[in-house]
Amino acid sequence: MIALAAVGGVALVELGMALTPGPNMIHLASRAITQGRRAGLVSLSGTAVGFVCYLLAAAAGLSALFAAVPVAFTVVKLAGAAYLGYLAWGMLKPGGRSPFAPAQDLPPVSDARLFSMGLLTNLLNPKIALMYAALLPQFLDPQAGPAWGQLLQLGGVQIIVGISVNALIMLGAARVSGFLAARPRAMTAQRFTAGGLLGAFALRTALSRTPVST
């Protein structure tokens, strides 16, 4: 049985990552603003399936691969840190954009296209790959049972938090966009806060240790 501390740790890490700008947030907010909440929900269903794909891969031994080949983990870790740093710079640099100020001219697409875009955006999202390959394994306890079972439970926590946060962002995207657009200072504060959090996660990722074996 996984410890409550591990559940809380995963929930806090995922909450922080879900609240920082990234491909999922930008895609869901953009679609909800330009095509309505229904389109956002269809896209979110694709995002959810992407989470499940990563969870199954992790339980199948993704972290064991990195434990067996430390250099592979180091490459992924540094690549993830660099990507998070890039996103942070995109928010903090002069002229940086908030994810709640997306382009308004996206063409409408079918439900199938919305689902596939949500799925692919999540599968190709380095933040999620980093979560399952490098961060979740750090919460494993050798005394708490098989690693794959712990990963399934911790991954379930991540999915619940991730989907909940993304759903709230998607449902409130239009309102938040209008609120911030009318308040430039609030938009700037949101941008710098998000950028600072991204930078902190970039540093944490770069300093993360090698995951334990499954």
N, C-alpha and C. Protein backbone atom coordinates (compact mmCIF):
# COMPACT_ATOMS: atom_id res chain seq x y z
N MET A 1 0.85 -1.19 0.00
CA MET A 1 0.00 0.00 0.00
C MET A 1 0.89 1.24 0.00
N ILE A 2 0.63 2.14 -0.90
CA ILE A 2 1.46 3.34 -0.98
C ILE A 2 1.17 4.26 0.20
N ALA A 3 2.19 5.01 0.61
CA ALA A 3 2.06 5.90 1.75
C ALA A 3 1.29 7.16 1.36
N LEU A 4 0.61 7.73 2.36
CA LEU A 4 -0.14 8.96 2.13
C LEU A 4 0.79 10.08 1.69
N ALA A 5 2.03 10.07 2.22
CA ALA A 5 2.99 11.10 1.84
C ALA A 5 3.31 11.04 0.35
N ALA A 6 3.39 9.81 -0.19
CA ALA A 6 3.67 9.66 -1.62
C ALA A 6 2.50 10.17 -2.45
N VAL A 7 1.28 9.87 -2.00
CA VAL A 7 0.08 10.36 -2.70
C VAL A 7 0.06 11.88 -2.71
N GLY A 8 0.32 12.47 -1.54
CA GLY A 8 0.33 13.92 -1.45
C GLY A 8 1.43 14.54 -2.28
N GLY A 9 2.60 13.90 -2.28
CA GLY A 9 3.71 14.42 -3.07
C GLY A 9 3.42 14.43 -4.55
N VAL A 10 2.88 13.31 -5.05
CA VAL A 10 2.53 13.22 -6.47
C VAL A 10 1.45 14.24 -6.81
N ALA A 11 0.45 14.37 -5.94
CA ALA A 11 -0.64 15.32 -6.19
C ALA A 11 -0.11 16.74 -6.28
N LEU A 12 0.80 17.11 -5.38
CA LEU A 12 1.35 18.47 -5.38
C LEU A 12 2.21 18.72 -6.61
N VAL A 13 3.04 17.73 -6.98
CA VAL A 13 3.88 17.89 -8.17
C VAL A 13 3.01 18.04 -9.41
N GLU A 14 2.00 17.18 -9.55
CA GLU A 14 1.13 17.25 -10.72
C GLU A 14 0.33 18.55 -10.72
N LEU A 15 -0.12 18.99 -9.56
CA LEU A 15 -0.86 20.25 -9.49
C LEU A 15 0.00 21.40 -9.99
N GLY A 16 1.25 21.44 -9.53
CA GLY A 16 2.14 22.50 -9.98
C GLY A 16 2.41 22.44 -11.47
N MET A 17 2.63 21.22 -11.98
CA MET A 17 2.91 21.08 -13.41
C MET A 17 1.68 21.39 -14.25
N ALA A 18 0.50 20.97 -13.78
CA ALA A 18 -0.73 21.21 -14.54
C ALA A 18 -1.08 22.69 -14.59
N LEU A 19 -0.69 23.44 -13.55
CA LEU A 19 -1.02 24.86 -13.50
C LEU A 19 -0.02 25.73 -14.24
N THR A 20 1.10 25.14 -14.67
CA THR A 20 2.07 25.91 -15.44
C THR A 20 1.80 25.71 -16.93
N PRO A 21 2.05 26.73 -17.73
CA PRO A 21 1.74 26.66 -19.16
C PRO A 21 2.50 25.54 -19.86
N GLY A 22 1.84 24.88 -20.75
CA GLY A 22 2.44 23.81 -21.53
C GLY A 22 1.53 23.47 -22.69
N PRO A 23 1.90 22.47 -23.49
CA PRO A 23 1.10 22.11 -24.67
C PRO A 23 -0.35 21.79 -24.36
N ASN A 24 -0.60 21.02 -23.28
CA ASN A 24 -1.99 20.67 -22.97
C ASN A 24 -2.83 21.89 -22.63
N MET A 25 -2.31 22.74 -21.76
CA MET A 25 -3.06 23.93 -21.36
C MET A 25 -3.36 24.82 -22.55
N ILE A 26 -2.35 25.05 -23.38
CA ILE A 26 -2.53 25.93 -24.53
C ILE A 26 -3.55 25.35 -25.50
N HIS A 27 -3.45 24.04 -25.77
CA HIS A 27 -4.38 23.40 -26.71
C HIS A 27 -5.81 23.45 -26.19
N LEU A 28 -6.01 23.05 -24.94
CA LEU A 28 -7.36 23.00 -24.39
C LEU A 28 -7.97 24.39 -24.26
N ALA A 29 -7.18 25.35 -23.80
CA ALA A 29 -7.70 26.72 -23.66
C ALA A 29 -8.05 27.30 -25.02
N SER A 30 -7.19 27.08 -26.00
CA SER A 30 -7.43 27.63 -27.33
C SER A 30 -8.69 27.05 -27.95
N ARG A 31 -8.87 25.73 -27.83
CA ARG A 31 -10.04 25.09 -28.44
C ARG A 31 -11.33 25.49 -27.73
N ALA A 32 -11.27 25.59 -26.41
CA ALA A 32 -12.47 25.98 -25.67
C ALA A 32 -12.89 27.41 -26.00
N ILE A 33 -11.91 28.30 -26.19
CA ILE A 33 -12.21 29.70 -26.50
C ILE A 33 -12.74 29.85 -27.92
N THR A 34 -12.13 29.13 -28.86
CA THR A 34 -12.49 29.33 -30.27
C THR A 34 -13.63 28.45 -30.76
N GLN A 35 -13.85 27.27 -30.11
CA GLN A 35 -14.85 26.33 -30.63
C GLN A 35 -15.87 25.90 -29.58
N GLY A 36 -15.77 26.41 -28.36
CA GLY A 36 -16.75 26.11 -27.34
C GLY A 36 -16.32 25.03 -26.36
N ARG A 37 -17.06 24.94 -25.27
CA ARG A 37 -16.71 24.00 -24.21
C ARG A 37 -16.82 22.54 -24.65
N ARG A 38 -17.77 22.22 -25.52
CA ARG A 38 -17.91 20.84 -25.98
C ARG A 38 -16.64 20.39 -26.69
N ALA A 39 -16.10 21.26 -27.53
CA ALA A 39 -14.86 20.94 -28.23
C ALA A 39 -13.73 20.75 -27.22
N GLY A 40 -13.73 21.56 -26.18
CA GLY A 40 -12.72 21.41 -25.15
C GLY A 40 -12.83 20.08 -24.43
N LEU A 41 -14.06 19.63 -24.17
CA LEU A 41 -14.26 18.35 -23.50
C LEU A 41 -13.82 17.18 -24.37
N VAL A 42 -14.10 17.26 -25.67
CA VAL A 42 -13.66 16.20 -26.59
C VAL A 42 -12.13 16.14 -26.60
N SER A 43 -11.50 17.30 -26.67
CA SER A 43 -10.04 17.36 -26.64
C SER A 43 -9.51 16.80 -25.33
N LEU A 44 -10.20 17.12 -24.23
CA LEU A 44 -9.77 16.65 -22.92
C LEU A 44 -9.85 15.13 -22.82
N SER A 45 -10.83 14.51 -23.49
CA SER A 45 -10.92 13.05 -23.48
C SER A 45 -9.69 12.43 -24.15
N GLY A 46 -9.20 13.06 -25.21
CA GLY A 46 -7.98 12.59 -25.84
C GLY A 46 -6.79 12.74 -24.91
N THR A 47 -6.76 13.85 -24.18
CA THR A 47 -5.70 14.07 -23.20
C THR A 47 -5.71 12.98 -22.13
N ALA A 48 -6.90 12.59 -21.68
CA ALA A 48 -7.02 11.54 -20.66
C ALA A 48 -6.48 10.21 -21.16
N VAL A 49 -6.78 9.86 -22.40
CA VAL A 49 -6.27 8.62 -22.97
C VAL A 49 -4.74 8.66 -23.05
N GLY A 50 -4.19 9.81 -23.35
CA GLY A 50 -2.74 9.96 -23.38
C GLY A 50 -2.13 9.68 -22.02
N PHE A 51 -2.77 10.17 -20.95
CA PHE A 51 -2.29 9.89 -19.60
C PHE A 51 -2.27 8.38 -19.34
N VAL A 52 -3.34 7.69 -19.75
CA VAL A 52 -3.43 6.25 -19.53
C VAL A 52 -2.31 5.52 -20.28
N CYS A 53 -2.01 5.95 -21.49
CA CYS A 53 -0.93 5.33 -22.27
C CYS A 53 0.40 5.44 -21.52
N TYR A 54 0.68 6.62 -20.98
CA TYR A 54 1.92 6.80 -20.22
C TYR A 54 1.92 5.94 -18.96
N LEU A 55 0.78 5.85 -18.30
CA LEU A 55 0.68 5.05 -17.08
C LEU A 55 0.98 3.59 -17.36
N LEU A 56 0.41 3.05 -18.43
CA LEU A 56 0.65 1.64 -18.78
C LEU A 56 2.11 1.40 -19.14
N ALA A 57 2.70 2.37 -19.85
CA ALA A 57 4.12 2.24 -20.22
C ALA A 57 5.00 2.24 -18.98
N ALA A 58 4.66 3.10 -18.01
CA ALA A 58 5.44 3.16 -16.78
C ALA A 58 5.32 1.87 -16.00
N ALA A 59 4.10 1.33 -15.89
CA ALA A 59 3.89 0.09 -15.16
C ALA A 59 4.58 -1.09 -15.85
N ALA A 60 4.73 -1.00 -17.17
CA ALA A 60 5.37 -2.08 -17.93
C ALA A 60 6.89 -2.08 -17.78
N GLY A 61 7.43 -1.05 -17.16
CA GLY A 61 8.87 -1.06 -16.91
C GLY A 61 9.65 0.10 -17.47
N LEU A 62 9.00 1.22 -17.74
CA LEU A 62 9.72 2.36 -18.29
C LEU A 62 10.80 2.85 -17.33
N SER A 63 10.47 2.91 -16.05
CA SER A 63 11.46 3.39 -15.08
C SER A 63 12.60 2.39 -14.92
N ALA A 64 12.31 1.07 -15.11
CA ALA A 64 13.37 0.06 -15.02
C ALA A 64 14.40 0.27 -16.11
N LEU A 65 13.94 0.68 -17.29
CA LEU A 65 14.86 0.94 -18.39
C LEU A 65 15.85 2.02 -18.01
N PHE A 66 15.35 3.08 -17.39
CA PHE A 66 16.23 4.18 -17.02
C PHE A 66 17.14 3.81 -15.85
N ALA A 67 16.66 2.92 -14.96
CA ALA A 67 17.50 2.47 -13.87
C ALA A 67 18.64 1.60 -14.40
N ALA A 68 18.34 0.81 -15.44
CA ALA A 68 19.35 -0.08 -16.03
C ALA A 68 20.33 0.68 -16.91
N VAL A 69 19.86 1.76 -17.53
CA VAL A 69 20.71 2.56 -18.42
C VAL A 69 20.68 4.00 -17.91
N PRO A 70 21.48 4.32 -16.90
CA PRO A 70 21.44 5.65 -16.28
C PRO A 70 21.65 6.80 -17.26
N VAL A 71 22.48 6.57 -18.29
CA VAL A 71 22.73 7.65 -19.23
C VAL A 71 21.46 8.03 -19.98
N ALA A 72 20.59 7.05 -20.23
CA ALA A 72 19.32 7.34 -20.90
C ALA A 72 18.45 8.23 -20.02
N PHE A 73 18.44 7.92 -18.73
CA PHE A 73 17.68 8.75 -17.80
C PHE A 73 18.24 10.17 -17.76
N THR A 74 19.56 10.26 -17.75
CA THR A 74 20.19 11.59 -17.70
C THR A 74 19.83 12.41 -18.92
N VAL A 75 19.82 11.77 -20.09
CA VAL A 75 19.47 12.48 -21.32
C VAL A 75 18.03 13.00 -21.24
N VAL A 76 17.11 12.11 -20.83
CA VAL A 76 15.70 12.52 -20.73
C VAL A 76 15.54 13.62 -19.68
N LYS A 77 16.23 13.47 -18.56
CA LYS A 77 16.13 14.44 -17.48
C LYS A 77 16.59 15.82 -17.93
N LEU A 78 17.75 15.88 -18.57
CA LEU A 78 18.28 17.17 -19.02
C LEU A 78 17.46 17.75 -20.16
N ALA A 79 16.96 16.87 -21.04
CA ALA A 79 16.10 17.35 -22.13
C ALA A 79 14.81 17.94 -21.56
N GLY A 80 14.25 17.26 -20.56
CA GLY A 80 13.04 17.77 -19.93
C GLY A 80 13.28 19.08 -19.21
N ALA A 81 14.42 19.17 -18.52
CA ALA A 81 14.75 20.42 -17.82
C ALA A 81 14.94 21.56 -18.82
N ALA A 82 15.60 21.25 -19.93
CA ALA A 82 15.80 22.28 -20.96
C ALA A 82 14.48 22.74 -21.55
N TYR A 83 13.56 21.79 -21.76
CA TYR A 83 12.26 22.15 -22.32
C TYR A 83 11.46 23.02 -21.35
N LEU A 84 11.47 22.65 -20.07
CA LEU A 84 10.77 23.45 -19.08
C LEU A 84 11.39 24.84 -18.97
N GLY A 85 12.72 24.90 -19.06
CA GLY A 85 13.39 26.20 -19.05
C GLY A 85 13.01 27.03 -20.25
N TYR A 86 12.87 26.38 -21.40
CA TYR A 86 12.45 27.07 -22.62
C TYR A 86 11.05 27.65 -22.46
N LEU A 87 10.14 26.85 -21.88
CA LEU A 87 8.78 27.34 -21.64
C LEU A 87 8.79 28.51 -20.66
N ALA A 88 9.65 28.41 -19.63
CA ALA A 88 9.74 29.50 -18.65
C ALA A 88 10.21 30.78 -19.32
N TRP A 89 11.22 30.68 -20.17
CA TRP A 89 11.72 31.86 -20.88
C TRP A 89 10.65 32.44 -21.79
N GLY A 90 9.87 31.56 -22.41
CA GLY A 90 8.80 32.04 -23.29
C GLY A 90 7.78 32.88 -22.54
N MET A 91 7.60 32.58 -21.24
CA MET A 91 6.67 33.36 -20.43
C MET A 91 7.31 34.62 -19.87
N LEU A 92 8.59 34.54 -19.51
CA LEU A 92 9.25 35.64 -18.81
C LEU A 92 9.89 36.68 -19.72
N LYS A 93 10.21 36.30 -20.94
CA LYS A 93 10.90 37.23 -21.83
C LYS A 93 9.98 38.40 -22.20
N PRO A 94 10.56 39.52 -22.59
CA PRO A 94 9.74 40.66 -23.04
C PRO A 94 8.84 40.24 -24.20
N GLY A 95 7.57 40.55 -24.10
CA GLY A 95 6.64 40.18 -25.15
C GLY A 95 6.11 38.77 -25.03
N GLY A 96 6.43 38.06 -23.92
CA GLY A 96 5.93 36.71 -23.72
C GLY A 96 4.41 36.69 -23.62
N ARG A 97 3.81 35.53 -23.94
CA ARG A 97 2.35 35.42 -23.97
C ARG A 97 1.84 34.50 -22.87
N SER A 98 0.67 34.82 -22.37
CA SER A 98 -0.04 33.94 -21.44
C SER A 98 -0.83 32.92 -22.25
N PRO A 99 -0.98 31.68 -21.73
CA PRO A 99 -1.79 30.69 -22.45
C PRO A 99 -3.26 31.09 -22.51
N PHE A 100 -3.67 32.05 -21.71
CA PHE A 100 -5.05 32.51 -21.73
C PHE A 100 -5.26 33.67 -22.70
N ALA A 101 -4.26 33.91 -23.55
CA ALA A 101 -4.42 34.91 -24.60
C ALA A 101 -4.07 34.26 -25.93
N PRO A 102 -4.73 33.12 -26.29
CA PRO A 102 -4.40 32.41 -27.52
C PRO A 102 -4.97 33.10 -28.75
N ALA A 103 -4.51 32.67 -29.91
CA ALA A 103 -5.03 33.21 -31.16
C ALA A 103 -6.50 32.86 -31.28
N GLN A 104 -7.27 33.79 -31.83
CA GLN A 104 -8.71 33.60 -31.93
C GLN A 104 -9.16 33.06 -33.29
N ASP A 105 -8.23 32.79 -34.19
CA ASP A 105 -8.62 32.45 -35.55
C ASP A 105 -8.38 30.97 -35.89
N LEU A 106 -8.41 30.08 -34.89
CA LEU A 106 -8.24 28.66 -35.17
C LEU A 106 -9.47 28.14 -35.90
N PRO A 107 -9.30 27.39 -37.01
CA PRO A 107 -10.45 26.87 -37.75
C PRO A 107 -11.13 25.74 -36.99
N PRO A 108 -12.47 25.63 -37.04
CA PRO A 108 -13.17 24.53 -36.38
C PRO A 108 -12.75 23.19 -36.99
N VAL A 109 -12.70 22.14 -36.16
CA VAL A 109 -12.34 20.81 -36.64
C VAL A 109 -13.34 19.80 -36.08
N SER A 110 -13.35 18.58 -36.64
CA SER A 110 -14.29 17.54 -36.24
C SER A 110 -13.96 16.99 -34.86
N ASP A 111 -14.91 16.23 -34.28
CA ASP A 111 -14.68 15.61 -32.99
C ASP A 111 -13.51 14.64 -33.03
N ALA A 112 -13.43 13.86 -34.12
CA ALA A 112 -12.33 12.91 -34.25
C ALA A 112 -10.99 13.63 -34.26
N ARG A 113 -10.96 14.74 -34.96
CA ARG A 113 -9.73 15.54 -35.03
C ARG A 113 -9.40 16.15 -33.67
N LEU A 114 -10.43 16.63 -32.97
CA LEU A 114 -10.22 17.20 -31.64
C LEU A 114 -9.65 16.14 -30.69
N PHE A 115 -10.22 14.93 -30.74
CA PHE A 115 -9.75 13.85 -29.87
C PHE A 115 -8.30 13.50 -30.18
N SER A 116 -8.00 13.33 -31.46
CA SER A 116 -6.64 12.94 -31.85
C SER A 116 -5.63 14.03 -31.51
N MET A 117 -6.05 15.28 -31.65
CA MET A 117 -5.15 16.38 -31.30
C MET A 117 -4.87 16.39 -29.80
N GLY A 118 -5.92 16.15 -28.99
CA GLY A 118 -5.73 16.09 -27.55
C GLY A 118 -4.82 14.94 -27.16
N LEU A 119 -5.00 13.79 -27.81
CA LEU A 119 -4.17 12.61 -27.53
C LEU A 119 -2.72 12.86 -27.91
N LEU A 120 -2.49 13.31 -29.13
CA LEU A 120 -1.12 13.50 -29.61
C LEU A 120 -0.41 14.62 -28.86
N THR A 121 -1.15 15.69 -28.54
CA THR A 121 -0.54 16.78 -27.78
C THR A 121 -0.03 16.27 -26.44
N ASN A 122 -0.79 15.38 -25.81
CA ASN A 122 -0.36 14.84 -24.52
C ASN A 122 0.78 13.84 -24.68
N LEU A 123 0.68 12.96 -25.67
CA LEU A 123 1.74 11.96 -25.87
C LEU A 123 3.07 12.61 -26.21
N LEU A 124 3.03 13.75 -26.89
CA LEU A 124 4.26 14.44 -27.28
C LEU A 124 4.65 15.53 -26.29
N ASN A 125 3.98 15.56 -25.16
CA ASN A 125 4.24 16.59 -24.15
C ASN A 125 5.40 16.16 -23.25
N PRO A 126 6.55 16.81 -23.33
CA PRO A 126 7.69 16.41 -22.51
C PRO A 126 7.42 16.48 -21.01
N LYS A 127 6.52 17.37 -20.59
CA LYS A 127 6.21 17.45 -19.16
C LYS A 127 5.61 16.15 -18.65
N ILE A 128 4.74 15.53 -19.46
CA ILE A 128 4.10 14.28 -19.03
C ILE A 128 5.08 13.12 -19.11
N ALA A 129 5.89 13.09 -20.16
CA ALA A 129 6.91 12.05 -20.26
C ALA A 129 7.86 12.12 -19.07
N LEU A 130 8.21 13.34 -18.69
CA LEU A 130 9.10 13.54 -17.56
C LEU A 130 8.44 13.07 -16.26
N MET A 131 7.18 13.35 -16.10
CA MET A 131 6.45 12.93 -14.90
C MET A 131 6.52 11.42 -14.71
N TYR A 132 6.24 10.67 -15.78
CA TYR A 132 6.19 9.21 -15.65
C TYR A 132 7.56 8.56 -15.69
N ALA A 133 8.50 9.14 -16.41
CA ALA A 133 9.81 8.52 -16.54
C ALA A 133 10.76 8.88 -15.41
N ALA A 134 10.60 10.08 -14.85
CA ALA A 134 11.59 10.54 -13.89
C ALA A 134 11.03 10.93 -12.52
N LEU A 135 9.84 11.50 -12.47
CA LEU A 135 9.33 12.01 -11.20
C LEU A 135 8.56 10.96 -10.40
N LEU A 136 7.61 10.25 -11.03
CA LEU A 136 6.84 9.25 -10.30
C LEU A 136 7.73 8.19 -9.63
N PRO A 137 8.76 7.67 -10.34
CA PRO A 137 9.60 6.64 -9.72
C PRO A 137 10.28 7.10 -8.43
N GLN A 138 10.44 8.42 -8.25
CA GLN A 138 11.08 8.91 -7.04
C GLN A 138 10.20 8.73 -5.80
N PHE A 139 8.91 8.46 -6.01
CA PHE A 139 8.00 8.27 -4.88
C PHE A 139 7.77 6.80 -4.56
N LEU A 140 8.48 5.90 -5.25
CA LEU A 140 8.32 4.47 -4.98
C LEU A 140 9.02 4.08 -3.68
N ASP A 141 8.41 3.15 -2.97
CA ASP A 141 8.96 2.64 -1.71
C ASP A 141 9.17 1.14 -1.83
N PRO A 142 10.42 0.66 -1.74
CA PRO A 142 10.68 -0.78 -1.88
C PRO A 142 9.90 -1.63 -0.89
N GLN A 143 9.46 -1.03 0.23
CA GLN A 143 8.72 -1.77 1.25
C GLN A 143 7.21 -1.75 1.03
N ALA A 144 6.75 -1.06 -0.02
CA ALA A 144 5.31 -0.88 -0.23
C ALA A 144 4.74 -1.79 -1.30
N GLY A 145 5.48 -2.83 -1.68
CA GLY A 145 4.96 -3.76 -2.67
C GLY A 145 5.60 -3.58 -4.03
N PRO A 146 5.12 -4.35 -5.02
CA PRO A 146 5.69 -4.29 -6.38
C PRO A 146 5.66 -2.87 -6.93
N ALA A 147 6.73 -2.50 -7.61
CA ALA A 147 6.82 -1.14 -8.15
C ALA A 147 5.72 -0.87 -9.16
N TRP A 148 5.37 -1.89 -9.98
CA TRP A 148 4.35 -1.65 -10.99
C TRP A 148 3.00 -1.32 -10.35
N GLY A 149 2.71 -1.98 -9.21
CA GLY A 149 1.46 -1.69 -8.52
C GLY A 149 1.45 -0.28 -7.94
N GLN A 150 2.59 0.12 -7.39
CA GLN A 150 2.69 1.48 -6.87
C GLN A 150 2.55 2.51 -7.98
N LEU A 151 3.16 2.20 -9.14
CA LEU A 151 3.07 3.13 -10.27
C LEU A 151 1.63 3.29 -10.75
N LEU A 152 0.88 2.18 -10.76
CA LEU A 152 -0.52 2.27 -11.17
C LEU A 152 -1.31 3.16 -10.22
N GLN A 153 -1.05 3.02 -8.92
CA GLN A 153 -1.77 3.83 -7.94
C GLN A 153 -1.35 5.30 -8.01
N LEU A 154 -0.05 5.54 -8.06
CA LEU A 154 0.43 6.92 -8.12
C LEU A 154 0.05 7.57 -9.45
N GLY A 155 0.08 6.76 -10.52
CA GLY A 155 -0.34 7.29 -11.81
C GLY A 155 -1.82 7.65 -11.81
N GLY A 156 -2.62 6.85 -11.08
CA GLY A 156 -4.03 7.17 -10.96
C GLY A 156 -4.24 8.51 -10.27
N VAL A 157 -3.42 8.78 -9.25
CA VAL A 157 -3.49 10.08 -8.56
C VAL A 157 -3.14 11.20 -9.54
N GLN A 158 -2.08 10.99 -10.30
CA GLN A 158 -1.67 12.00 -11.28
C GLN A 158 -2.77 12.27 -12.29
N ILE A 159 -3.40 11.22 -12.78
CA ILE A 159 -4.45 11.38 -13.79
C ILE A 159 -5.64 12.14 -13.22
N ILE A 160 -6.05 11.79 -12.01
CA ILE A 160 -7.19 12.48 -11.39
C ILE A 160 -6.91 13.97 -11.24
N VAL A 161 -5.73 14.29 -10.71
CA VAL A 161 -5.38 15.70 -10.52
C VAL A 161 -5.22 16.41 -11.86
N GLY A 162 -4.52 15.75 -12.80
CA GLY A 162 -4.28 16.37 -14.10
C GLY A 162 -5.56 16.65 -14.86
N ILE A 163 -6.46 15.67 -14.91
CA ILE A 163 -7.72 15.85 -15.63
C ILE A 163 -8.59 16.90 -14.95
N SER A 164 -8.61 16.88 -13.62
CA SER A 164 -9.43 17.86 -12.89
C SER A 164 -8.95 19.28 -13.16
N VAL A 165 -7.64 19.50 -13.08
CA VAL A 165 -7.10 20.84 -13.31
C VAL A 165 -7.32 21.27 -14.75
N ASN A 166 -7.05 20.37 -15.69
CA ASN A 166 -7.23 20.71 -17.10
C ASN A 166 -8.69 20.99 -17.43
N ALA A 167 -9.60 20.25 -16.79
CA ALA A 167 -11.03 20.49 -17.02
C ALA A 167 -11.44 21.86 -16.51
N LEU A 168 -10.96 22.23 -15.33
CA LEU A 168 -11.28 23.55 -14.78
C LEU A 168 -10.71 24.66 -15.66
N ILE A 169 -9.48 24.46 -16.13
CA ILE A 169 -8.86 25.46 -17.00
C ILE A 169 -9.64 25.59 -18.30
N MET A 170 -10.01 24.45 -18.87
CA MET A 170 -10.74 24.46 -20.14
C MET A 170 -12.12 25.12 -19.98
N LEU A 171 -12.84 24.75 -18.91
CA LEU A 171 -14.18 25.29 -18.70
C LEU A 171 -14.16 26.78 -18.39
N GLY A 172 -13.09 27.23 -17.76
CA GLY A 172 -13.02 28.65 -17.41
C GLY A 172 -12.16 29.48 -18.33
N ALA A 173 -11.67 28.88 -19.42
CA ALA A 173 -10.72 29.57 -20.29
C ALA A 173 -11.27 30.87 -20.86
N ALA A 174 -12.48 30.82 -21.39
CA ALA A 174 -13.05 32.01 -22.02
C ALA A 174 -13.22 33.13 -21.00
N ARG A 175 -13.72 32.78 -19.82
CA ARG A 175 -13.93 33.80 -18.79
C ARG A 175 -12.60 34.38 -18.30
N VAL A 176 -11.62 33.50 -18.07
CA VAL A 176 -10.31 33.97 -17.61
C VAL A 176 -9.65 34.84 -18.67
N SER A 177 -9.77 34.42 -19.94
CA SER A 177 -9.18 35.18 -21.03
C SER A 177 -9.75 36.60 -21.07
N GLY A 178 -11.09 36.70 -20.96
CA GLY A 178 -11.72 38.01 -20.97
C GLY A 178 -11.33 38.85 -19.77
N PHE A 179 -11.24 38.20 -18.59
CA PHE A 179 -10.87 38.91 -17.37
C PHE A 179 -9.46 39.48 -17.47
N LEU A 180 -8.50 38.64 -17.92
CA LEU A 180 -7.12 39.09 -18.00
C LEU A 180 -6.91 40.10 -19.11
N ALA A 181 -7.64 39.94 -20.22
CA ALA A 181 -7.49 40.88 -21.33
C ALA A 181 -7.88 42.29 -20.91
N ALA A 182 -8.84 42.38 -19.99
CA ALA A 182 -9.29 43.70 -19.51
C ALA A 182 -8.41 44.22 -18.38
N ARG A 183 -7.47 43.42 -17.93
CA ARG A 183 -6.60 43.80 -16.81
C ARG A 183 -5.16 43.44 -17.15
N PRO A 184 -4.48 44.29 -17.89
CA PRO A 184 -3.11 44.01 -18.32
C PRO A 184 -2.16 43.66 -17.18
N ARG A 185 -2.32 44.31 -16.03
CA ARG A 185 -1.43 44.02 -14.91
C ARG A 185 -1.65 42.60 -14.38
N ALA A 186 -2.89 42.18 -14.33
CA ALA A 186 -3.19 40.82 -13.89
C ALA A 186 -2.62 39.81 -14.88
N MET A 187 -2.73 40.11 -16.18
CA MET A 187 -2.16 39.24 -17.20
C MET A 187 -0.66 39.11 -17.02
N THR A 188 0.00 40.24 -16.75
CA THR A 188 1.44 40.23 -16.54
C THR A 188 1.81 39.44 -15.30
N ALA A 189 1.05 39.63 -14.21
CA ALA A 189 1.32 38.90 -12.97
C ALA A 189 1.16 37.40 -13.18
N GLN A 190 0.11 37.00 -13.90
CA GLN A 190 -0.10 35.58 -14.18
C GLN A 190 1.05 35.01 -15.00
N ARG A 191 1.50 35.78 -15.97
CA ARG A 191 2.58 35.33 -16.85
C ARG A 191 3.87 35.13 -16.07
N PHE A 192 4.22 36.09 -15.21
CA PHE A 192 5.47 35.98 -14.46
C PHE A 192 5.40 34.90 -13.38
N THR A 193 4.23 34.74 -12.77
CA THR A 193 4.08 33.68 -11.77
C THR A 193 4.25 32.30 -12.42
N ALA A 194 3.57 32.11 -13.55
CA ALA A 194 3.67 30.83 -14.26
C ALA A 194 5.10 30.59 -14.75
N GLY A 195 5.73 31.63 -15.27
CA GLY A 195 7.10 31.50 -15.74
C GLY A 195 8.06 31.14 -14.62
N GLY A 196 7.85 31.75 -13.44
CA GLY A 196 8.70 31.44 -12.30
C GLY A 196 8.54 30.00 -11.84
N LEU A 197 7.30 29.51 -11.84
CA LEU A 197 7.06 28.11 -11.47
C LEU A 197 7.71 27.15 -12.46
N LEU A 198 7.61 27.48 -13.73
CA LEU A 198 8.26 26.65 -14.75
C LEU A 198 9.76 26.59 -14.53
N GLY A 199 10.36 27.75 -14.23
CA GLY A 199 11.80 27.79 -13.99
C GLY A 199 12.18 26.94 -12.79
N ALA A 200 11.36 26.98 -11.73
CA ALA A 200 11.64 26.17 -10.54
C ALA A 200 11.57 24.68 -10.86
N PHE A 201 10.59 24.29 -11.65
CA PHE A 201 10.48 22.88 -12.04
C PHE A 201 11.64 22.47 -12.94
N ALA A 202 12.12 23.38 -13.77
CA ALA A 202 13.27 23.07 -14.61
C ALA A 202 14.48 22.75 -13.75
N LEU A 203 14.69 23.55 -12.70
CA LEU A 203 15.81 23.32 -11.80
C LEU A 203 15.64 22.02 -11.04
N ARG A 204 14.43 21.77 -10.55
CA ARG A 204 14.17 20.53 -9.81
C ARG A 204 14.40 19.31 -10.69
N THR A 205 13.97 19.40 -11.93
CA THR A 205 14.15 18.29 -12.86
C THR A 205 15.62 18.02 -13.12
N ALA A 206 16.39 19.08 -13.33
CA ALA A 206 17.82 18.92 -13.61
C ALA A 206 18.55 18.27 -12.44
N LEU A 207 18.06 18.48 -11.22
CA LEU A 207 18.73 17.95 -10.04
C LEU A 207 18.13 16.64 -9.55
N SER A 208 17.11 16.11 -10.25
CA SER A 208 16.46 14.89 -9.80
C SER A 208 17.41 13.70 -9.87
N ARG A 209 17.18 12.74 -8.99
CA ARG A 209 18.06 11.57 -8.94
C ARG A 209 17.55 10.45 -9.84
N THR A 210 18.38 9.44 -10.03
CA THR A 210 18.01 8.29 -10.86
C THR A 210 16.88 7.52 -10.20
N PRO A 211 15.83 7.14 -10.95
CA PRO A 211 14.71 6.41 -10.35
C PRO A 211 15.12 5.02 -9.91
N VAL A 212 14.36 4.48 -8.95
CA VAL A 212 14.64 3.12 -8.50
C VAL A 212 14.13 2.14 -9.53
N SER A 213 14.65 0.92 -9.48
CA SER A 213 14.26 -0.09 -10.46
C SER A 213 12.89 -0.66 -10.15
N THR A 214 12.16 -1.03 -11.21
CA THR A 214 10.90 -1.73 -11.03
C THR A 214 11.11 -3.23 -11.05
